[in-house]
Amino acid sequence: MTKRIINRIKVVLVEQGRTNKWLADQLGKTTPTVSRWCTNDMQPSLETLVEIAEILKVDVRELLISTK
């Protein structure tokens, strides 16, 4: 089974010149947790996704792959 790419967290971090560690520190999460989100091995909760969008100052929709 192919892994589905659901979020764009890593792309947005790269565009902003930020790191997984920086985001982990901002969220109070571990770096491995954020890394798993960035590789789409695991997905953050909706509440956490909104928090990530606020920290990165982007619309939450920019963190998701469109289904259309």
PDB file of N, CA and C in Angstrom:
ATOM      1  N   MET A   1       0.841  -1.176   0.000  1.00  0.00           N
ATOM      2  CA  MET A   1       0.000   0.000   0.000  1.00  0.00           C
ATOM      3  C   MET A   1       0.892   1.247   0.000  1.00  0.00           C
ATOM      4  N   THR A   2       0.544   2.229  -0.813  1.00  0.00           N
ATOM      5  CA  THR A   2       1.298   3.459  -0.930  1.00  0.00           C
ATOM      6  C   THR A   2       0.904   4.426   0.182  1.00  0.00           C
ATOM      7  N   LYS A   3       1.917   5.089   0.748  1.00  0.00           N
ATOM      8  CA  LYS A   3       1.662   6.079   1.792  1.00  0.00           C
ATOM      9  C   LYS A   3       1.001   7.303   1.171  1.00  0.00           C
ATOM     10  N   ARG A   4      -0.105   7.750   1.786  1.00  0.00           N
ATOM     11  CA  ARG A   4      -0.801   8.938   1.291  1.00  0.00           C
ATOM     12  C   ARG A   4      -0.144  10.197   1.840  1.00  0.00           C
ATOM     13  N   ILE A   5       0.072  11.135   0.958  1.00  0.00           N
ATOM     14  CA  ILE A   5       0.597  12.443   1.359  1.00  0.00           C
ATOM     15  C   ILE A   5      -0.625  13.311   1.664  1.00  0.00           C
ATOM     16  N   ILE A   6      -0.810  13.632   2.938  1.00  0.00           N
ATOM     17  CA  ILE A   6      -1.994  14.367   3.365  1.00  0.00           C
ATOM     18  C   ILE A   6      -1.671  15.811   3.707  1.00  0.00           C
ATOM     19  N   ASN A   7      -0.525  16.022   4.362  1.00  0.00           N
ATOM     20  CA  ASN A   7      -0.219  17.386   4.776  1.00  0.00           C
ATOM     21  C   ASN A   7       1.031  17.929   4.083  1.00  0.00           C
ATOM     22  N   ARG A   8       1.156  19.252   4.154  1.00  0.00           N
ATOM     23  CA  ARG A   8       2.269  19.981   3.536  1.00  0.00           C
ATOM     24  C   ARG A   8       3.109  20.692   4.587  1.00  0.00           C
ATOM     25  N   ILE A   9       3.110  20.183   5.810  1.00  0.00           N
ATOM     26  CA  ILE A   9       3.820  20.861   6.891  1.00  0.00           C
ATOM     27  C   ILE A   9       5.288  21.068   6.530  1.00  0.00           C
ATOM     28  N   LYS A  10       5.949  20.041   6.048  1.00  0.00           N
ATOM     29  CA  LYS A  10       7.374  20.142   5.714  1.00  0.00           C
ATOM     30  C   LYS A  10       7.613  21.190   4.632  1.00  0.00           C
ATOM     31  N   VAL A  11       6.756  21.224   3.624  1.00  0.00           N
ATOM     32  CA  VAL A  11       6.903  22.188   2.533  1.00  0.00           C
ATOM     33  C   VAL A  11       6.824  23.616   3.073  1.00  0.00           C
ATOM     34  N   VAL A  12       5.844  23.868   3.932  1.00  0.00           N
ATOM     35  CA  VAL A  12       5.670  25.214   4.485  1.00  0.00           C
ATOM     36  C   VAL A  12       6.857  25.574   5.389  1.00  0.00           C
ATOM     37  N   LEU A  13       7.338  24.620   6.170  1.00  0.00           N
ATOM     38  CA  LEU A  13       8.514  24.877   7.003  1.00  0.00           C
ATOM     39  C   LEU A  13       9.711  25.268   6.135  1.00  0.00           C
ATOM     40  N   VAL A  14       9.940  24.528   5.052  1.00  0.00           N
ATOM     41  CA  VAL A  14      11.062  24.828   4.152  1.00  0.00           C
ATOM     42  C   VAL A  14      10.879  26.202   3.520  1.00  0.00           C
ATOM     43  N   GLU A  15       9.669  26.506   3.060  1.00  0.00           N
ATOM     44  CA  GLU A  15       9.399  27.815   2.452  1.00  0.00           C
ATOM     45  C   GLU A  15       9.714  28.956   3.419  1.00  0.00           C
ATOM     46  N   GLN A  16       9.499  28.717   4.714  1.00  0.00           N
ATOM     47  CA  GLN A  16       9.730  29.760   5.719  1.00  0.00           C
ATOM     48  C   GLN A  16      11.121  29.679   6.349  1.00  0.00           C
ATOM     49  N   GLY A  17      11.911  28.712   5.923  1.00  0.00           N
ATOM     50  CA  GLY A  17      13.255  28.570   6.470  1.00  0.00           C
ATOM     51  C   GLY A  17      13.254  28.101   7.922  1.00  0.00           C
ATOM     52  N   ARG A  18      12.240  27.338   8.290  1.00  0.00           N
ATOM     53  CA  ARG A  18      12.099  26.830   9.666  1.00  0.00           C
ATOM     54  C   ARG A  18      12.449  25.345   9.695  1.00  0.00           C
ATOM     55  N   THR A  19      12.701  24.827  10.898  1.00  0.00           N
ATOM     56  CA  THR A  19      13.056  23.416  11.055  1.00  0.00           C
ATOM     57  C   THR A  19      11.998  22.671  11.867  1.00  0.00           C
ATOM     58  N   ASN A  20      12.082  21.344  11.800  1.00  0.00           N
ATOM     59  CA  ASN A  20      11.204  20.501  12.621  1.00  0.00           C
ATOM     60  C   ASN A  20      11.411  20.820  14.099  1.00  0.00           C
ATOM     61  N   LYS A  21      12.674  20.995  14.489  1.00  0.00           N
ATOM     62  CA  LYS A  21      12.978  21.276  15.892  1.00  0.00           C
ATOM     63  C   LYS A  21      12.355  22.592  16.333  1.00  0.00           C
ATOM     64  N   TRP A  22      12.419  23.605  15.489  1.00  0.00           N
ATOM     65  CA  TRP A  22      11.820  24.893  15.818  1.00  0.00           C
ATOM     66  C   TRP A  22      10.317  24.725  16.055  1.00  0.00           C
ATOM     67  N   LEU A  23       9.628  24.015  15.149  1.00  0.00           N
ATOM     68  CA  LEU A  23       8.190  23.813  15.294  1.00  0.00           C
ATOM     69  C   LEU A  23       7.886  22.995  16.546  1.00  0.00           C
ATOM     70  N   ALA A  24       8.673  21.964  16.797  1.00  0.00           N
ATOM     71  CA  ALA A  24       8.482  21.150  18.004  1.00  0.00           C
ATOM     72  C   ALA A  24       8.592  22.019  19.255  1.00  0.00           C
ATOM     73  N   ASP A  25       9.577  22.902  19.290  1.00  0.00           N
ATOM     74  CA  ASP A  25       9.751  23.798  20.435  1.00  0.00           C
ATOM     75  C   ASP A  25       8.550  24.728  20.602  1.00  0.00           C
ATOM     76  N   GLN A  26       8.046  25.251  19.491  1.00  0.00           N
ATOM     77  CA  GLN A  26       6.890  26.158  19.537  1.00  0.00           C
ATOM     78  C   GLN A  26       5.637  25.456  20.058  1.00  0.00           C
ATOM     79  N   LEU A  27       5.491  24.175  19.716  1.00  0.00           N
ATOM     80  CA  LEU A  27       4.300  23.406  20.083  1.00  0.00           C
ATOM     81  C   LEU A  27       4.428  22.676  21.417  1.00  0.00           C
ATOM     82  N   GLY A  28       5.657  22.577  21.923  1.00  0.00           N
ATOM     83  CA  GLY A  28       5.873  21.780  23.129  1.00  0.00           C
ATOM     84  C   GLY A  28       5.766  20.290  22.844  1.00  0.00           C
ATOM     85  N   LYS A  29       6.124  19.899  21.629  1.00  0.00           N
ATOM     86  CA  LYS A  29       6.110  18.491  21.202  1.00  0.00           C
ATOM     87  C   LYS A  29       7.547  18.031  20.999  1.00  0.00           C
ATOM     88  N   THR A  30       7.717  16.729  20.813  1.00  0.00           N
ATOM     89  CA  THR A  30       9.059  16.215  20.556  1.00  0.00           C
ATOM     90  C   THR A  30       9.398  16.366  19.072  1.00  0.00           C
ATOM     91  N   THR A  31      10.688  16.473  18.799  1.00  0.00           N
ATOM     92  CA  THR A  31      11.139  16.565  17.406  1.00  0.00           C
ATOM     93  C   THR A  31      10.740  15.328  16.601  1.00  0.00           C
ATOM     94  N   PRO A  32      10.855  14.098  17.158  1.00  0.00           N
ATOM     95  CA  PRO A  32      10.412  12.931  16.379  1.00  0.00           C
ATOM     96  C   PRO A  32       8.920  12.964  16.012  1.00  0.00           C
ATOM     97  N   THR A  33       8.090  13.513  16.876  1.00  0.00           N
ATOM     98  CA  THR A  33       6.662  13.625  16.563  1.00  0.00           C
ATOM     99  C   THR A  33       6.459  14.535  15.364  1.00  0.00           C
ATOM    100  N   VAL A  34       7.092  15.703  15.382  1.00  0.00           N
ATOM    101  CA  VAL A  34       6.959  16.643  14.269  1.00  0.00           C
ATOM    102  C   VAL A  34       7.549  16.035  12.998  1.00  0.00           C
ATOM    103  N   SER A  35       8.638  15.314  13.132  1.00  0.00           N
ATOM    104  CA  SER A  35       9.246  14.654  11.979  1.00  0.00           C
ATOM    105  C   SER A  35       8.277  13.658  11.340  1.00  0.00           C
ATOM    106  N   ARG A  36       7.555  12.924  12.157  1.00  0.00           N
ATOM    107  CA  ARG A  36       6.585  11.950  11.627  1.00  0.00           C
ATOM    108  C   ARG A  36       5.441  12.652  10.907  1.00  0.00           C
ATOM    109  N   TRP A  37       5.057  13.851  11.376  1.00  0.00           N
ATOM    110  CA  TRP A  37       4.043  14.627  10.661  1.00  0.00           C
ATOM    111  C   TRP A  37       4.598  15.084   9.321  1.00  0.00           C
ATOM    112  N   CYS A  38       5.846  15.536   9.323  1.00  0.00           N
ATOM    113  CA  CYS A  38       6.464  16.066   8.096  1.00  0.00           C
ATOM    114  C   CYS A  38       6.667  14.996   7.032  1.00  0.00           C
ATOM    115  N   THR A  39       6.838  13.762   7.452  1.00  0.00           N
ATOM    116  CA  THR A  39       7.003  12.666   6.488  1.00  0.00           C
ATOM    117  C   THR A  39       5.681  11.967   6.204  1.00  0.00           C
ATOM    118  N   ASN A  40       4.594  12.472   6.792  1.00  0.00           N
ATOM    119  CA  ASN A  40       3.256  11.915   6.621  1.00  0.00           C
ATOM    120  C   ASN A  40       3.141  10.481   7.126  1.00  0.00           C
ATOM    121  N   ASP A  41       4.020  10.085   8.050  1.00  0.00           N
ATOM    122  CA  ASP A  41       3.888   8.778   8.695  1.00  0.00           C
ATOM    123  C   ASP A  41       2.762   8.817   9.728  1.00  0.00           C
ATOM    124  N   MET A  42       2.462  10.018  10.210  1.00  0.00           N
ATOM    125  CA  MET A  42       1.442  10.238  11.223  1.00  0.00           C
ATOM    126  C   MET A  42       0.857  11.622  10.960  1.00  0.00           C
ATOM    127  N   GLN A  43      -0.375  11.861  11.382  1.00  0.00           N
ATOM    128  CA  GLN A  43      -1.000  13.164  11.167  1.00  0.00           C
ATOM    129  C   GLN A  43      -1.322  13.821  12.511  1.00  0.00           C
ATOM    130  N   PRO A  44      -1.150  15.141  12.599  1.00  0.00           N
ATOM    131  CA  PRO A  44      -1.531  15.836  13.825  1.00  0.00           C
ATOM    132  C   PRO A  44      -3.053  15.899  13.937  1.00  0.00           C
ATOM    133  N   SER A  45      -3.538  16.110  15.153  1.00  0.00           N
ATOM    134  CA  SER A  45      -4.979  16.304  15.341  1.00  0.00           C
ATOM    135  C   SER A  45      -5.397  17.599  14.654  1.00  0.00           C
ATOM    136  N   LEU A  46      -6.684  17.761  14.446  1.00  0.00           N
ATOM    137  CA  LEU A  46      -7.162  19.000  13.827  1.00  0.00           C
ATOM    138  C   LEU A  46      -6.822  20.211  14.685  1.00  0.00           C
ATOM    139  N   GLU A  47      -6.935  20.060  15.994  1.00  0.00           N
ATOM    140  CA  GLU A  47      -6.607  21.157  16.900  1.00  0.00           C
ATOM    141  C   GLU A  47      -5.126  21.542  16.754  1.00  0.00           C
ATOM    142  N   THR A  48      -4.263  20.543  16.670  1.00  0.00           N
ATOM    143  CA  THR A  48      -2.832  20.805  16.515  1.00  0.00           C
ATOM    144  C   THR A  48      -2.545  21.410  15.149  1.00  0.00           C
ATOM    145  N   LEU A  49      -3.240  20.960  14.130  1.00  0.00           N
ATOM    146  CA  LEU A  49      -3.045  21.512  12.785  1.00  0.00           C
ATOM    147  C   LEU A  49      -3.394  23.001  12.771  1.00  0.00           C
ATOM    148  N   VAL A  50      -4.464  23.382  13.452  1.00  0.00           N
ATOM    149  CA  VAL A  50      -4.838  24.794  13.550  1.00  0.00           C
ATOM    150  C   VAL A  50      -3.760  25.569  14.309  1.00  0.00           C
ATOM    151  N   GLU A  51      -3.230  24.978  15.374  1.00  0.00           N
ATOM    152  CA  GLU A  51      -2.161  25.618  16.139  1.00  0.00           C
ATOM    153  C   GLU A  51      -0.909  25.808  15.275  1.00  0.00           C
ATOM    154  N   ILE A  52      -0.583  24.804  14.475  1.00  0.00           N
ATOM    155  CA  ILE A  52       0.568  24.901  13.567  1.00  0.00           C
ATOM    156  C   ILE A  52       0.355  26.051  12.579  1.00  0.00           C
ATOM    157  N   ALA A  53      -0.853  26.137  12.018  1.00  0.00           N
ATOM    158  CA  ALA A  53      -1.163  27.211  11.071  1.00  0.00           C
ATOM    159  C   ALA A  53      -0.993  28.578  11.726  1.00  0.00           C
ATOM    160  N   GLU A  54      -1.432  28.706  12.973  1.00  0.00           N
ATOM    161  CA  GLU A  54      -1.293  29.986  13.683  1.00  0.00           C
ATOM    162  C   GLU A  54       0.181  30.320  13.913  1.00  0.00           C
ATOM    163  N   ILE A  55       0.959  29.322  14.324  1.00  0.00           N
ATOM    164  CA  ILE A  55       2.396  29.545  14.564  1.00  0.00           C
ATOM    165  C   ILE A  55       3.111  29.952  13.281  1.00  0.00           C
ATOM    166  N   LEU A  56       2.755  29.294  12.170  1.00  0.00           N
ATOM    167  CA  LEU A  56       3.401  29.578  10.885  1.00  0.00           C
ATOM    168  C   LEU A  56       2.768  30.762  10.149  1.00  0.00           C
ATOM    169  N   LYS A  57       1.676  31.307  10.735  1.00  0.00           N
ATOM    170  CA  LYS A  57       0.972  32.448  10.143  1.00  0.00           C
ATOM    171  C   LYS A  57       0.500  32.163   8.712  1.00  0.00           C
ATOM    172  N   VAL A  58      -0.129  30.993   8.556  1.00  0.00           N
ATOM    173  CA  VAL A  58      -0.712  30.605   7.265  1.00  0.00           C
ATOM    174  C   VAL A  58      -2.141  30.137   7.496  1.00  0.00           C
ATOM    175  N   ASP A  59      -2.919  30.127   6.438  1.00  0.00           N
ATOM    176  CA  ASP A  59      -4.260  29.548   6.496  1.00  0.00           C
ATOM    177  C   ASP A  59      -4.100  28.040   6.655  1.00  0.00           C
ATOM    178  N   VAL A  60      -4.916  27.439   7.486  1.00  0.00           N
ATOM    179  CA  VAL A  60      -4.802  26.000   7.739  1.00  0.00           C
ATOM    180  C   VAL A  60      -4.888  25.198   6.436  1.00  0.00           C
ATOM    181  N   ARG A  61      -5.595  25.715   5.453  1.00  0.00           N
ATOM    182  CA  ARG A  61      -5.729  25.018   4.161  1.00  0.00           C
ATOM    183  C   ARG A  61      -4.402  24.884   3.437  1.00  0.00           C
ATOM    184  N   GLU A  62      -3.451  25.781   3.737  1.00  0.00           N
ATOM    185  CA  GLU A  62      -2.122  25.698   3.114  1.00  0.00           C
ATOM    186  C   GLU A  62      -1.318  24.513   3.638  1.00  0.00           C
ATOM    187  N   LEU A  63      -1.756  23.950   4.746  1.00  0.00           N
ATOM    188  CA  LEU A  63      -1.049  22.812   5.332  1.00  0.00           C
ATOM    189  C   LEU A  63      -1.573  21.473   4.850  1.00  0.00           C
ATOM    190  N   LEU A  64      -2.618  21.488   4.039  1.00  0.00           N
ATOM    191  CA  LEU A  64      -3.237  20.256   3.566  1.00  0.00           C
ATOM    192  C   LEU A  64      -3.131  20.125   2.057  1.00  0.00           C
ATOM    193  N   ILE A  65      -3.055  18.881   1.591  1.00  0.00           N
ATOM    194  CA  ILE A  65      -3.094  18.608   0.157  1.00  0.00           C
ATOM    195  C   ILE A  65      -4.555  18.633  -0.282  1.00  0.00           C
ATOM    196  N   SER A  66      -4.852  19.387  -1.301  1.00  0.00           N
ATOM    197  CA  SER A  66      -6.220  19.494  -1.791  1.00  0.00           C
ATOM    198  C   SER A  66      -6.715  18.152  -2.334  1.00  0.00           C
ATOM    199  N   THR A  67      -7.985  17.888  -2.128  1.00  0.00           N
ATOM    200  CA  THR A  67      -8.564  16.638  -2.649  1.00  0.00           C
ATOM    201  C   THR A  67      -9.229  16.865  -4.002  1.00  0.00           C
ATOM    202  N   LYS A  68      -9.185  18.078  -4.515  1.00  0.00           N
ATOM    203  CA  LYS A  68      -9.787  18.361  -5.810  1.00  0.00           C
ATOM    204  C   LYS A  68      -8.751  18.503  -6.876  1.00  0.00           C
TER     205      LYS A  68
END
